Amino acid sequence: MRFQHSTTAGGDQEVAYEEFWRPMETRLNSVMPEFLRHYGMRNGKNVRKGDIYTACKFDIEKAKDVDAVKIHLSAMSSAALSYQKFISPEEEVDPRVSRRLQGILELDSTVSYPLLIRIFKDWKDDVISIDQVIQCLDLLESFYVRRLVCGVPTNALNKITLELCLAYQESNVQHWLQEKIQNGSGTRRCPNDEEFEQNLIVQRIYPRRRIARYMLLALEESFKHKEPVDTSSATMEHIMPQTLTDSWRSELGEKHSEIHDAWLDTIGNLTLTGYNAELGNASFSDKKEKLQNTHFELSRGLLSEDSWGASQIEARGKALAKLALRRWSLVLP
């Protein structure tokens, strides 16, 4: 409404709509409201779903003239291009960035989008480099993974994002973000290496299947094979099965129920495979036989084990936790 009313085709309102607003609606479609909400939060102000219009109006009303409104709409349209890649990471041309944006989706950590809008704007404006963007994405993933594994409540994440947006510092942004993440306390904290390692060994991660699978895939990738295995169809497999058979009870011994309850869904008892349906409740020796030709490094490590029980699961959990500390590090390269 700040533009001159369009009484004829090609008027100011129609031009602004076709040049700025319509492309955003076309690109984002049903997520347009969520984009507008996150865009309104980029400077640290919370925007509830019912306040999106008011927040947008307040933002644009500060523009002194029509040219300033155009500049604002142009910036919003540019942010929408980035947001489209947030929700469809395959549209990002740089595979390193695309892979990390996919991780944010897999981890359901989209609460970070207002901050990413700021970071991607600075990247587009050549204020920060792609390497800095990647380092920020890695830090955010480490932050979310560590909190998930250690059971830190998620209800503070929105406030954390707003605080980061409010204090945003484009100069050495990756070092600024690292310091902010490491200095949080209480429900805002990022678990340190010791807490993360200890929790990852004993926590039941399988019930959060999407996150558990993402973590296993990330750990598999950490082996950096020259010819990496196709993980698109990989499924998670319990080595000690979800339902104990007589052979497994014998394998585990007298305390089979305690061992099963304590270790079943921990990372040390989970692996990746393309043979999930064939493995099922098979004995450990039969599973090893079927995994002889596996291309998954996480499963190949099982072939050297003679038996499978609490001590083996714990030892494998510790080994995977060491890999996880490197994969979700808080140390910048």
C-alpha atoms as a PDB file:
ATOM      1  CA  MET A   1       0.000   0.000   0.000  1.00  0.00           C
ATOM      2  CA  ARG A   2       3.022   2.290   0.113  1.00  0.00           C
ATOM      3  CA  PHE A   3       3.139   2.130  -3.696  1.00  0.00           C
ATOM      4  CA  GLN A   4       0.971   4.233  -5.974  1.00  0.00           C
ATOM      5  CA  HIS A   5      -2.339   2.465  -6.634  1.00  0.00           C
ATOM      6  CA  SER A   6      -2.327   0.485  -9.887  1.00  0.00           C
ATOM      7  CA  THR A   7      -5.323   1.634 -11.915  1.00  0.00           C
ATOM      8  CA  THR A   8      -3.761   0.303 -15.111  1.00  0.00           C
ATOM      9  CA  ALA A   9      -1.514  -2.607 -16.024  1.00  0.00           C
ATOM     10  CA  GLY A  10       2.093  -1.888 -15.230  1.00  0.00           C
ATOM     11  CA  GLY A  11       1.393   0.400 -12.286  1.00  0.00           C
ATOM     12  CA  ASP A  12       3.719   0.617  -9.298  1.00  0.00           C
ATOM     13  CA  GLN A  13       1.740  -1.829  -7.137  1.00  0.00           C
ATOM     14  CA  GLU A  14       1.554  -4.431  -9.892  1.00  0.00           C
ATOM     15  CA  VAL A  15       5.266  -4.096 -10.698  1.00  0.00           C
ATOM     16  CA  ALA A  16       6.212  -4.499  -7.026  1.00  0.00           C
ATOM     17  CA  TYR A  17       3.912  -7.497  -6.696  1.00  0.00           C
ATOM     18  CA  GLU A  18       5.243  -9.234  -9.831  1.00  0.00           C
ATOM     19  CA  GLU A  19       8.902  -8.406  -9.163  1.00  0.00           C
ATOM     20  CA  PHE A  20       9.122  -9.126  -5.441  1.00  0.00           C
ATOM     21  CA  TRP A  21       6.075 -10.725  -3.829  1.00  0.00           C
ATOM     22  CA  ARG A  22       4.754 -13.181  -6.413  1.00  0.00           C
ATOM     23  CA  PRO A  23       8.153 -14.925  -6.899  1.00  0.00           C
ATOM     24  CA  MET A  24       8.361 -15.510  -3.136  1.00  0.00           C
ATOM     25  CA  GLU A  25       4.877 -17.012  -3.015  1.00  0.00           C
ATOM     26  CA  THR A  26       5.614 -19.186  -6.047  1.00  0.00           C
ATOM     27  CA  ARG A  27       8.887 -20.494  -4.626  1.00  0.00           C
ATOM     28  CA  LEU A  28       7.782 -21.082  -1.055  1.00  0.00           C
ATOM     29  CA  ASN A  29       4.105 -21.889  -1.566  1.00  0.00           C
ATOM     30  CA  SER A  30       2.670 -23.307   1.680  1.00  0.00           C
ATOM     31  CA  VAL A  31       5.750 -22.422   3.770  1.00  0.00           C
ATOM     32  CA  MET A  32       5.490 -18.716   2.914  1.00  0.00           C
ATOM     33  CA  PRO A  33       3.952 -17.860   6.335  1.00  0.00           C
ATOM     34  CA  GLU A  34       6.724 -19.715   8.176  1.00  0.00           C
ATOM     35  CA  PHE A  35       9.333 -17.912   6.093  1.00  0.00           C
ATOM     36  CA  LEU A  36       7.774 -14.543   6.941  1.00  0.00           C
ATOM     37  CA  ARG A  37       7.760 -15.495  10.628  1.00  0.00           C
ATOM     38  CA  HIS A  38      11.420 -16.526  10.585  1.00  0.00           C
ATOM     39  CA  TYR A  39      12.349 -13.477   8.512  1.00  0.00           C
ATOM     40  CA  GLY A  40      10.685 -11.252  11.088  1.00  0.00           C
ATOM     41  CA  MET A  41      12.736 -12.967  13.830  1.00  0.00           C
ATOM     42  CA  ARG A  42      16.106 -12.461  12.104  1.00  0.00           C
ATOM     43  CA  ASN A  43      16.991  -9.450  14.278  1.00  0.00           C
ATOM     44  CA  GLY A  44      16.093 -11.121  17.569  1.00  0.00           C
ATOM     45  CA  LYS A  45      12.408 -10.244  17.962  1.00  0.00           C
ATOM     46  CA  ASN A  46      10.030 -13.132  18.565  1.00  0.00           C
ATOM     47  CA  VAL A  47       7.159 -13.413  16.091  1.00  0.00           C
ATOM     48  CA  ARG A  48       4.229 -15.686  16.903  1.00  0.00           C
ATOM     49  CA  LYS A  49       2.235 -17.326  14.131  1.00  0.00           C
ATOM     50  CA  GLY A  50      -0.700 -15.001  14.733  1.00  0.00           C
ATOM     51  CA  ASP A  51       1.493 -11.891  14.559  1.00  0.00           C
ATOM     52  CA  ILE A  52       3.163 -12.392  11.163  1.00  0.00           C
ATOM     53  CA  TYR A  53       1.269  -9.642   9.339  1.00  0.00           C
ATOM     54  CA  THR A  54       1.746  -7.155  12.158  1.00  0.00           C
ATOM     55  CA  ALA A  55       5.479  -7.897  12.311  1.00  0.00           C
ATOM     56  CA  CYS A  56       5.900  -7.510   8.539  1.00  0.00           C
ATOM     57  CA  LYS A  57       3.937  -4.283   8.512  1.00  0.00           C
ATOM     58  CA  PHE A  58       5.937  -2.874  11.421  1.00  0.00           C
ATOM     59  CA  ASP A  59       9.184  -3.754   9.645  1.00  0.00           C
ATOM     60  CA  ILE A  60       8.228  -2.029   6.380  1.00  0.00           C
ATOM     61  CA  GLU A  61       6.559   1.001   7.955  1.00  0.00           C
ATOM     62  CA  LYS A  62      10.007   2.143   9.096  1.00  0.00           C
ATOM     63  CA  ALA A  63      10.925   2.750   5.445  1.00  0.00           C
ATOM     64  CA  LYS A  64      10.805   6.503   4.784  1.00  0.00           C
ATOM     65  CA  ASP A  65       9.823   6.388   1.112  1.00  0.00           C
ATOM     66  CA  VAL A  66       8.827   4.058  -1.726  1.00  0.00           C
ATOM     67  CA  ASP A  67      12.423   3.460  -2.770  1.00  0.00           C
ATOM     68  CA  ALA A  68      13.247   2.301   0.742  1.00  0.00           C
ATOM     69  CA  VAL A  69      10.275  -0.088   0.607  1.00  0.00           C
ATOM     70  CA  LYS A  70      11.639  -1.530  -2.634  1.00  0.00           C
ATOM     71  CA  ILE A  71      15.006  -2.084  -0.976  1.00  0.00           C
ATOM     72  CA  HIS A  72      13.272  -3.862   1.893  1.00  0.00           C
ATOM     73  CA  LEU A  73      11.226  -6.081  -0.445  1.00  0.00           C
ATOM     74  CA  SER A  74      14.326  -6.858  -2.480  1.00  0.00           C
ATOM     75  CA  ALA A  75      16.124  -8.009   0.673  1.00  0.00           C
ATOM     76  CA  MET A  76      13.119 -10.107   1.683  1.00  0.00           C
ATOM     77  CA  SER A  77      12.975 -11.685  -1.786  1.00  0.00           C
ATOM     78  CA  SER A  78      16.686 -12.497  -1.605  1.00  0.00           C
ATOM     79  CA  ALA A  79      16.183 -14.129   1.803  1.00  0.00           C
ATOM     80  CA  ALA A  80      13.352 -16.190   0.325  1.00  0.00           C
ATOM     81  CA  LEU A  81      15.819 -17.624  -2.204  1.00  0.00           C
ATOM     82  CA  SER A  82      18.011 -18.794   0.655  1.00  0.00           C
ATOM     83  CA  TYR A  83      15.016 -20.100   2.594  1.00  0.00           C
ATOM     84  CA  GLN A  84      13.996 -22.191  -0.393  1.00  0.00           C
ATOM     85  CA  LYS A  85      17.348 -23.975  -0.090  1.00  0.00           C
ATOM     86  CA  PHE A  86      16.796 -24.476   3.640  1.00  0.00           C
ATOM     87  CA  ILE A  87      13.632 -26.474   2.931  1.00  0.00           C
ATOM     88  CA  SER A  88      14.940 -28.058  -0.305  1.00  0.00           C
ATOM     89  CA  PRO A  89      18.694 -28.525   0.268  1.00  0.00           C
ATOM     90  CA  GLU A  90      19.130 -30.292  -3.077  1.00  0.00           C
ATOM     91  CA  GLU A  91      18.663 -26.885  -4.745  1.00  0.00           C
ATOM     92  CA  GLU A  92      21.892 -25.577  -3.171  1.00  0.00           C
ATOM     93  CA  VAL A  93      24.645 -25.917  -5.770  1.00  0.00           C
ATOM     94  CA  ASP A  94      27.503 -26.342  -3.302  1.00  0.00           C
ATOM     95  CA  PRO A  95      27.327 -29.981  -2.098  1.00  0.00           C
ATOM     96  CA  ARG A  96      29.027 -29.153   1.222  1.00  0.00           C
ATOM     97  CA  VAL A  97      26.370 -26.599   2.119  1.00  0.00           C
ATOM     98  CA  SER A  98      23.561 -28.763   0.726  1.00  0.00           C
ATOM     99  CA  ARG A  99      24.628 -31.728   2.856  1.00  0.00           C
ATOM    100  CA  ARG A 100      24.654 -29.632   6.010  1.00  0.00           C
ATOM    101  CA  LEU A 101      21.257 -28.066   5.290  1.00  0.00           C
ATOM    102  CA  GLN A 102      19.893 -31.585   4.844  1.00  0.00           C
ATOM    103  CA  GLY A 103      21.314 -32.403   8.277  1.00  0.00           C
ATOM    104  CA  ILE A 104      19.337 -29.548   9.821  1.00  0.00           C
ATOM    105  CA  LEU A 105      16.154 -31.003   8.339  1.00  0.00           C
ATOM    106  CA  GLU A 106      16.999 -34.532   9.491  1.00  0.00           C
ATOM    107  CA  LEU A 107      17.721 -33.330  13.011  1.00  0.00           C
ATOM    108  CA  ASP A 108      14.526 -31.260  13.014  1.00  0.00           C
ATOM    109  CA  SER A 109      16.521 -28.205  14.073  1.00  0.00           C
ATOM    110  CA  THR A 110      14.725 -25.745  11.803  1.00  0.00           C
ATOM    111  CA  VAL A 111      14.472 -23.389  14.773  1.00  0.00           C
ATOM    112  CA  SER A 112      17.858 -22.093  13.566  1.00  0.00           C
ATOM    113  CA  TYR A 113      16.411 -20.632  10.339  1.00  0.00           C
ATOM    114  CA  PRO A 114      16.196 -16.998  11.534  1.00  0.00           C
ATOM    115  CA  LEU A 115      19.926 -17.108  12.304  1.00  0.00           C
ATOM    116  CA  LEU A 116      20.682 -18.828   8.991  1.00  0.00           C
ATOM    117  CA  ILE A 117      18.854 -16.033   7.171  1.00  0.00           C
ATOM    118  CA  ARG A 118      21.410 -13.600   8.635  1.00  0.00           C
ATOM    119  CA  ILE A 119      24.376 -15.853   7.859  1.00  0.00           C
ATOM    120  CA  PHE A 120      23.295 -16.542   4.266  1.00  0.00           C
ATOM    121  CA  LYS A 121      22.666 -12.836   3.624  1.00  0.00           C
ATOM    122  CA  ASP A 122      26.240 -12.057   4.647  1.00  0.00           C
ATOM    123  CA  TRP A 123      27.452 -14.889   2.416  1.00  0.00           C
ATOM    124  CA  LYS A 124      25.519 -13.522  -0.559  1.00  0.00           C
ATOM    125  CA  ASP A 125      26.840 -10.029   0.159  1.00  0.00           C
ATOM    126  CA  ASP A 126      30.438 -11.386   0.299  1.00  0.00           C
ATOM    127  CA  VAL A 127      30.765 -10.267   3.911  1.00  0.00           C
ATOM    128  CA  ILE A 128      31.687 -13.818   4.952  1.00  0.00           C
ATOM    129  CA  SER A 129      33.139 -16.728   2.975  1.00  0.00           C
ATOM    130  CA  ILE A 130      31.645 -20.115   2.179  1.00  0.00           C
ATOM    131  CA  ASP A 131      34.164 -21.686   4.565  1.00  0.00           C
ATOM    132  CA  GLN A 132      32.789 -19.549   7.384  1.00  0.00           C
ATOM    133  CA  VAL A 133      29.242 -20.571   6.467  1.00  0.00           C
ATOM    134  CA  ILE A 134      30.220 -24.245   6.585  1.00  0.00           C
ATOM    135  CA  GLN A 135      31.925 -23.813   9.948  1.00  0.00           C
ATOM    136  CA  CYS A 136      28.795 -22.136  11.355  1.00  0.00           C
ATOM    137  CA  LEU A 137      26.587 -24.943  10.042  1.00  0.00           C
ATOM    138  CA  ASP A 138      28.912 -27.533  11.602  1.00  0.00           C
ATOM    139  CA  LEU A 139      28.853 -25.744  14.953  1.00  0.00           C
ATOM    140  CA  LEU A 140      25.061 -25.576  14.939  1.00  0.00           C
ATOM    141  CA  GLU A 141      24.795 -29.278  14.089  1.00  0.00           C
ATOM    142  CA  SER A 142      27.217 -30.176  16.878  1.00  0.00           C
ATOM    143  CA  PHE A 143      25.185 -28.016  19.250  1.00  0.00           C
ATOM    144  CA  TYR A 144      21.895 -29.745  18.386  1.00  0.00           C
ATOM    145  CA  VAL A 145      23.294 -33.296  18.313  1.00  0.00           C
ATOM    146  CA  ARG A 146      25.001 -32.919  21.674  1.00  0.00           C
ATOM    147  CA  ARG A 147      21.872 -31.505  23.291  1.00  0.00           C
ATOM    148  CA  LEU A 148      19.685 -34.253  21.819  1.00  0.00           C
ATOM    149  CA  VAL A 149      21.972 -37.038  23.013  1.00  0.00           C
ATOM    150  CA  CYS A 150      22.310 -35.542  26.489  1.00  0.00           C
ATOM    151  CA  GLY A 151      18.602 -34.862  26.877  1.00  0.00           C
ATOM    152  CA  VAL A 152      18.887 -31.087  27.297  1.00  0.00           C
ATOM    153  CA  PRO A 153      15.305 -29.698  27.069  1.00  0.00           C
ATOM    154  CA  THR A 154      14.445 -28.303  23.651  1.00  0.00           C
ATOM    155  CA  ASN A 155      12.015 -25.634  24.880  1.00  0.00           C
ATOM    156  CA  ALA A 156      14.822 -23.072  25.176  1.00  0.00           C
ATOM    157  CA  LEU A 157      15.996 -23.388  21.555  1.00  0.00           C
ATOM    158  CA  ASN A 158      13.736 -20.635  20.230  1.00  0.00           C
ATOM    159  CA  LYS A 159      15.022 -18.191  22.864  1.00  0.00           C
ATOM    160  CA  ILE A 160      18.614 -19.244  22.148  1.00  0.00           C
ATOM    161  CA  THR A 161      18.125 -18.510  18.448  1.00  0.00           C
ATOM    162  CA  LEU A 162      16.601 -15.105  19.187  1.00  0.00           C
ATOM    163  CA  GLU A 163      19.496 -14.249  21.503  1.00  0.00           C
ATOM    164  CA  LEU A 164      21.987 -15.223  18.796  1.00  0.00           C
ATOM    165  CA  CYS A 165      20.117 -13.125  16.229  1.00  0.00           C
ATOM    166  CA  LEU A 166      20.021 -10.155  18.573  1.00  0.00           C
ATOM    167  CA  ALA A 167      23.747 -10.352  19.323  1.00  0.00           C
ATOM    168  CA  TYR A 168      24.735 -11.379  15.781  1.00  0.00           C
ATOM    169  CA  GLN A 169      28.282 -10.431  14.841  1.00  0.00           C
ATOM    170  CA  GLU A 170      29.367 -10.764  11.229  1.00  0.00           C
ATOM    171  CA  SER A 171      33.047 -10.178  11.977  1.00  0.00           C
ATOM    172  CA  ASN A 172      34.655 -13.614  12.485  1.00  0.00           C
ATOM    173  CA  VAL A 173      31.142 -15.005  12.706  1.00  0.00           C
ATOM    174  CA  GLN A 174      32.281 -18.600  13.230  1.00  0.00           C
ATOM    175  CA  HIS A 175      34.422 -17.667  16.257  1.00  0.00           C
ATOM    176  CA  TRP A 176      31.604 -15.529  17.639  1.00  0.00           C
ATOM    177  CA  LEU A 177      29.154 -18.425  17.259  1.00  0.00           C
ATOM    178  CA  GLN A 178      31.600 -20.897  18.817  1.00  0.00           C
ATOM    179  CA  GLU A 179      32.005 -18.674  21.885  1.00  0.00           C
ATOM    180  CA  LYS A 180      28.257 -18.132  22.253  1.00  0.00           C
ATOM    181  CA  ILE A 181      27.523 -21.856  22.035  1.00  0.00           C
ATOM    182  CA  GLN A 182      30.230 -22.876  24.488  1.00  0.00           C
ATOM    183  CA  ASN A 183      29.338 -20.224  27.057  1.00  0.00           C
ATOM    184  CA  GLY A 184      25.671 -21.154  27.434  1.00  0.00           C
ATOM    185  CA  SER A 185      24.503 -22.474  30.807  1.00  0.00           C
ATOM    186  CA  GLY A 186      21.494 -24.317  32.205  1.00  0.00           C
ATOM    187  CA  THR A 187      18.972 -25.169  29.493  1.00  0.00           C
ATOM    188  CA  ARG A 188      21.025 -23.023  27.092  1.00  0.00           C
ATOM    189  CA  ARG A 189      24.156 -25.109  27.508  1.00  0.00           C
ATOM    190  CA  CYS A 190      26.035 -27.166  24.967  1.00  0.00           C
ATOM    191  CA  PRO A 191      27.258 -30.423  26.575  1.00  0.00           C
ATOM    192  CA  ASN A 192      31.053 -30.674  26.709  1.00  0.00           C
ATOM    193  CA  ASP A 193      33.048 -33.594  25.317  1.00  0.00           C
ATOM    194  CA  GLU A 194      32.923 -35.641  28.514  1.00  0.00           C
ATOM    195  CA  GLU A 195      29.156 -35.328  28.987  1.00  0.00           C
ATOM    196  CA  PHE A 196      28.480 -36.010  25.316  1.00  0.00           C
ATOM    197  CA  GLU A 197      30.730 -39.075  25.222  1.00  0.00           C
ATOM    198  CA  GLN A 198      29.337 -40.602  28.416  1.00  0.00           C
ATOM    199  CA  ASN A 199      25.713 -40.076  27.409  1.00  0.00           C
ATOM    200  CA  LEU A 200      26.171 -41.388  23.894  1.00  0.00           C
ATOM    201  CA  ILE A 201      27.453 -44.705  25.229  1.00  0.00           C
ATOM    202  CA  VAL A 202      24.452 -45.393  27.488  1.00  0.00           C
ATOM    203  CA  GLN A 203      21.517 -43.408  26.097  1.00  0.00           C
ATOM    204  CA  ARG A 204      18.707 -45.165  24.210  1.00  0.00           C
ATOM    205  CA  ILE A 205      18.881 -43.361  20.892  1.00  0.00           C
ATOM    206  CA  TYR A 206      16.904 -45.835  18.752  1.00  0.00           C
ATOM    207  CA  PRO A 207      13.413 -44.580  19.776  1.00  0.00           C
ATOM    208  CA  ARG A 208      14.233 -41.311  17.983  1.00  0.00           C
ATOM    209  CA  ARG A 209      14.765 -43.271  14.804  1.00  0.00           C
ATOM    210  CA  ARG A 210      15.232 -40.436  12.355  1.00  0.00           C
ATOM    211  CA  ILE A 211      17.944 -38.868  14.492  1.00  0.00           C
ATOM    212  CA  ALA A 212      19.546 -42.226  15.315  1.00  0.00           C
ATOM    213  CA  ARG A 213      19.760 -43.127  11.624  1.00  0.00           C
ATOM    214  CA  TYR A 214      21.225 -39.724  10.775  1.00  0.00           C
ATOM    215  CA  MET A 215      23.915 -40.162  13.406  1.00  0.00           C
ATOM    216  CA  LEU A 216      24.827 -43.654  12.204  1.00  0.00           C
ATOM    217  CA  LEU A 217      25.039 -42.439   8.601  1.00  0.00           C
ATOM    218  CA  ALA A 218      27.244 -39.529   9.676  1.00  0.00           C
ATOM    219  CA  LEU A 219      29.552 -41.890  11.572  1.00  0.00           C
ATOM    220  CA  GLU A 220      29.724 -44.196   8.551  1.00  0.00           C
ATOM    221  CA  GLU A 221      30.744 -41.220   6.388  1.00  0.00           C
ATOM    222  CA  SER A 222      33.476 -40.353   8.881  1.00  0.00           C
ATOM    223  CA  PHE A 223      35.480 -43.335   7.642  1.00  0.00           C
ATOM    224  CA  LYS A 224      35.931 -41.386   4.369  1.00  0.00           C
ATOM    225  CA  HIS A 225      36.050 -44.302   1.953  1.00  0.00           C
ATOM    226  CA  LYS A 226      37.406 -43.497  -1.497  1.00  0.00           C
ATOM    227  CA  GLU A 227      34.386 -45.376  -2.885  1.00  0.00           C
ATOM    228  CA  PRO A 228      31.672 -44.632  -0.311  1.00  0.00           C
ATOM    229  CA  VAL A 229      28.746 -47.033  -0.006  1.00  0.00           C
ATOM    230  CA  ASP A 230      25.285 -45.930  -1.114  1.00  0.00           C
ATOM    231  CA  THR A 231      23.476 -45.212   2.135  1.00  0.00           C
ATOM    232  CA  SER A 232      20.145 -44.114   0.660  1.00  0.00           C
ATOM    233  CA  SER A 233      18.463 -47.473   1.307  1.00  0.00           C
ATOM    234  CA  ALA A 234      20.364 -48.371   4.486  1.00  0.00           C
ATOM    235  CA  THR A 235      18.315 -49.401   7.493  1.00  0.00           C
ATOM    236  CA  MET A 236      19.164 -49.635  11.165  1.00  0.00           C
ATOM    237  CA  GLU A 237      19.702 -53.072  12.642  1.00  0.00           C
ATOM    238  CA  HIS A 238      19.811 -54.151  16.263  1.00  0.00           C
ATOM    239  CA  ILE A 239      22.744 -56.530  16.652  1.00  0.00           C
ATOM    240  CA  MET A 240      21.269 -57.989  19.838  1.00  0.00           C
ATOM    241  CA  PRO A 241      17.663 -58.266  18.562  1.00  0.00           C
ATOM    242  CA  GLN A 242      14.600 -56.543  19.921  1.00  0.00           C
ATOM    243  CA  THR A 243      13.044 -59.897  20.747  1.00  0.00           C
ATOM    244  CA  LEU A 244      15.307 -62.406  22.471  1.00  0.00           C
ATOM    245  CA  THR A 245      15.325 -65.989  21.242  1.00  0.00           C
ATOM    246  CA  ASP A 246      16.571 -69.008  23.189  1.00  0.00           C
ATOM    247  CA  SER A 247      19.915 -68.830  21.382  1.00  0.00           C
ATOM    248  CA  TRP A 248      20.294 -65.169  22.359  1.00  0.00           C
ATOM    249  CA  ARG A 249      19.361 -65.850  25.968  1.00  0.00           C
ATOM    250  CA  SER A 250      22.069 -68.484  26.010  1.00  0.00           C
ATOM    251  CA  GLU A 251      24.497 -66.058  24.331  1.00  0.00           C
ATOM    252  CA  LEU A 252      23.844 -63.336  26.932  1.00  0.00           C
ATOM    253  CA  GLY A 253      23.791 -65.617  29.987  1.00  0.00           C
ATOM    254  CA  GLU A 254      21.808 -65.478  33.208  1.00  0.00           C
ATOM    255  CA  LYS A 255      21.448 -61.691  33.201  1.00  0.00           C
ATOM    256  CA  HIS A 256      20.041 -61.636  29.658  1.00  0.00           C
ATOM    257  CA  SER A 257      16.988 -59.575  30.658  1.00  0.00           C
ATOM    258  CA  GLU A 258      19.070 -56.896  32.399  1.00  0.00           C
ATOM    259  CA  ILE A 259      21.517 -56.718  29.503  1.00  0.00           C
ATOM    260  CA  HIS A 260      18.684 -56.498  26.990  1.00  0.00           C
ATOM    261  CA  ASP A 261      16.915 -53.712  28.901  1.00  0.00           C
ATOM    262  CA  ALA A 262      20.093 -51.687  29.421  1.00  0.00           C
ATOM    263  CA  TRP A 263      21.820 -51.975  26.048  1.00  0.00           C
ATOM    264  CA  LEU A 264      19.262 -52.805  23.341  1.00  0.00           C
ATOM    265  CA  ASP A 265      18.689 -49.304  21.917  1.00  0.00           C
ATOM    266  CA  THR A 266      22.129 -47.835  22.582  1.00  0.00           C
ATOM    267  CA  ILE A 267      24.438 -46.834  19.755  1.00  0.00           C
ATOM    268  CA  GLY A 268      26.823 -49.691  20.522  1.00  0.00           C
ATOM    269  CA  ASN A 269      24.104 -52.198  19.582  1.00  0.00           C
ATOM    270  CA  LEU A 270      23.005 -50.466  16.378  1.00  0.00           C
ATOM    271  CA  THR A 271      24.455 -50.728  12.916  1.00  0.00           C
ATOM    272  CA  LEU A 272      23.611 -50.055   9.264  1.00  0.00           C
ATOM    273  CA  THR A 273      22.756 -52.727   6.765  1.00  0.00           C
ATOM    274  CA  GLY A 274      20.878 -53.553   3.594  1.00  0.00           C
ATOM    275  CA  TYR A 275      19.961 -56.969   4.991  1.00  0.00           C
ATOM    276  CA  ASN A 276      17.655 -55.974   7.828  1.00  0.00           C
ATOM    277  CA  ALA A 277      14.824 -58.340   6.895  1.00  0.00           C
ATOM    278  CA  GLU A 278      17.246 -61.264   6.567  1.00  0.00           C
ATOM    279  CA  LEU A 279      19.017 -60.636   9.876  1.00  0.00           C
ATOM    280  CA  GLY A 280      16.020 -60.273  12.177  1.00  0.00           C
ATOM    281  CA  ASN A 281      16.373 -62.364  15.320  1.00  0.00           C
ATOM    282  CA  ALA A 282      19.163 -64.518  13.910  1.00  0.00           C
ATOM    283  CA  SER A 283      21.927 -65.615  16.249  1.00  0.00           C
ATOM    284  CA  PHE A 284      25.089 -63.524  16.384  1.00  0.00           C
ATOM    285  CA  SER A 285      27.073 -66.143  14.453  1.00  0.00           C
ATOM    286  CA  ASP A 286      24.401 -66.229  11.722  1.00  0.00           C
ATOM    287  CA  LYS A 287      24.370 -62.438  11.506  1.00  0.00           C
ATOM    288  CA  LYS A 288      28.138 -62.415  11.128  1.00  0.00           C
ATOM    289  CA  GLU A 289      27.856 -64.940   8.319  1.00  0.00           C
ATOM    290  CA  LYS A 290      25.321 -62.806   6.471  1.00  0.00           C
ATOM    291  CA  LEU A 291      27.467 -59.671   6.958  1.00  0.00           C
ATOM    292  CA  GLN A 292      30.640 -61.179   5.509  1.00  0.00           C
ATOM    293  CA  ASN A 293      30.351 -59.075   2.342  1.00  0.00           C
ATOM    294  CA  THR A 294      28.921 -55.908   3.875  1.00  0.00           C
ATOM    295  CA  HIS A 295      30.267 -52.608   2.589  1.00  0.00           C
ATOM    296  CA  PHE A 296      29.282 -50.730   5.741  1.00  0.00           C
ATOM    297  CA  GLU A 297      32.299 -50.098   7.943  1.00  0.00           C
ATOM    298  CA  LEU A 298      30.029 -49.939  10.987  1.00  0.00           C
ATOM    299  CA  SER A 299      29.020 -53.547  10.327  1.00  0.00           C
ATOM    300  CA  ARG A 300      32.411 -54.809   9.201  1.00  0.00           C
ATOM    301  CA  GLY A 301      33.781 -54.147  12.666  1.00  0.00           C
ATOM    302  CA  LEU A 302      31.437 -56.822  14.031  1.00  0.00           C
ATOM    303  CA  LEU A 303      33.167 -59.585  12.052  1.00  0.00           C
ATOM    304  CA  SER A 304      36.131 -59.650  14.437  1.00  0.00           C
ATOM    305  CA  GLU A 305      33.910 -60.307  17.484  1.00  0.00           C
ATOM    306  CA  ASP A 306      33.542 -63.886  18.760  1.00  0.00           C
ATOM    307  CA  SER A 307      30.468 -63.159  20.862  1.00  0.00           C
ATOM    308  CA  TRP A 308      28.053 -60.326  21.591  1.00  0.00           C
ATOM    309  CA  GLY A 309      26.990 -59.103  24.997  1.00  0.00           C
ATOM    310  CA  ALA A 310      27.141 -56.174  27.411  1.00  0.00           C
ATOM    311  CA  SER A 311      30.929 -55.777  27.360  1.00  0.00           C
ATOM    312  CA  GLN A 312      31.104 -55.840  23.541  1.00  0.00           C
ATOM    313  CA  ILE A 313      28.224 -53.390  23.183  1.00  0.00           C
ATOM    314  CA  GLU A 314      29.794 -50.999  25.690  1.00  0.00           C
ATOM    315  CA  ALA A 315      33.206 -51.247  24.010  1.00  0.00           C
ATOM    316  CA  ARG A 316      31.711 -50.563  20.578  1.00  0.00           C
ATOM    317  CA  GLY A 317      29.714 -47.667  22.051  1.00  0.00           C
ATOM    318  CA  LYS A 318      32.916 -46.150  23.402  1.00  0.00           C
ATOM    319  CA  ALA A 319      34.626 -46.516  20.020  1.00  0.00           C
ATOM    320  CA  LEU A 320      31.698 -44.884  18.209  1.00  0.00           C
ATOM    321  CA  ALA A 321      31.591 -42.122  20.823  1.00  0.00           C
ATOM    322  CA  LYS A 322      35.219 -41.289  19.996  1.00  0.00           C
ATOM    323  CA  LEU A 323      34.244 -40.959  16.330  1.00  0.00           C
ATOM    324  CA  ALA A 324      31.257 -38.839  17.341  1.00  0.00           C
ATOM    325  CA  LEU A 325      33.490 -36.423  19.271  1.00  0.00           C
ATOM    326  CA  ARG A 326      35.375 -35.734  16.066  1.00  0.00           C
ATOM    327  CA  ARG A 327      32.265 -35.629  13.889  1.00  0.00           C
ATOM    328  CA  TRP A 328      30.393 -33.237  16.193  1.00  0.00           C
ATOM    329  CA  SER A 329      33.333 -31.257  17.471  1.00  0.00           C
ATOM    330  CA  LEU A 330      33.146 -27.762  18.921  1.00  0.00           C
ATOM    331  CA  VAL A 331      36.706 -26.999  17.812  1.00  0.00           C
ATOM    332  CA  LEU A 332      37.118 -24.935  14.662  1.00  0.00           C
ATOM    333  CA  PRO A 333      39.655 -26.104  12.057  1.00  0.00           C
END
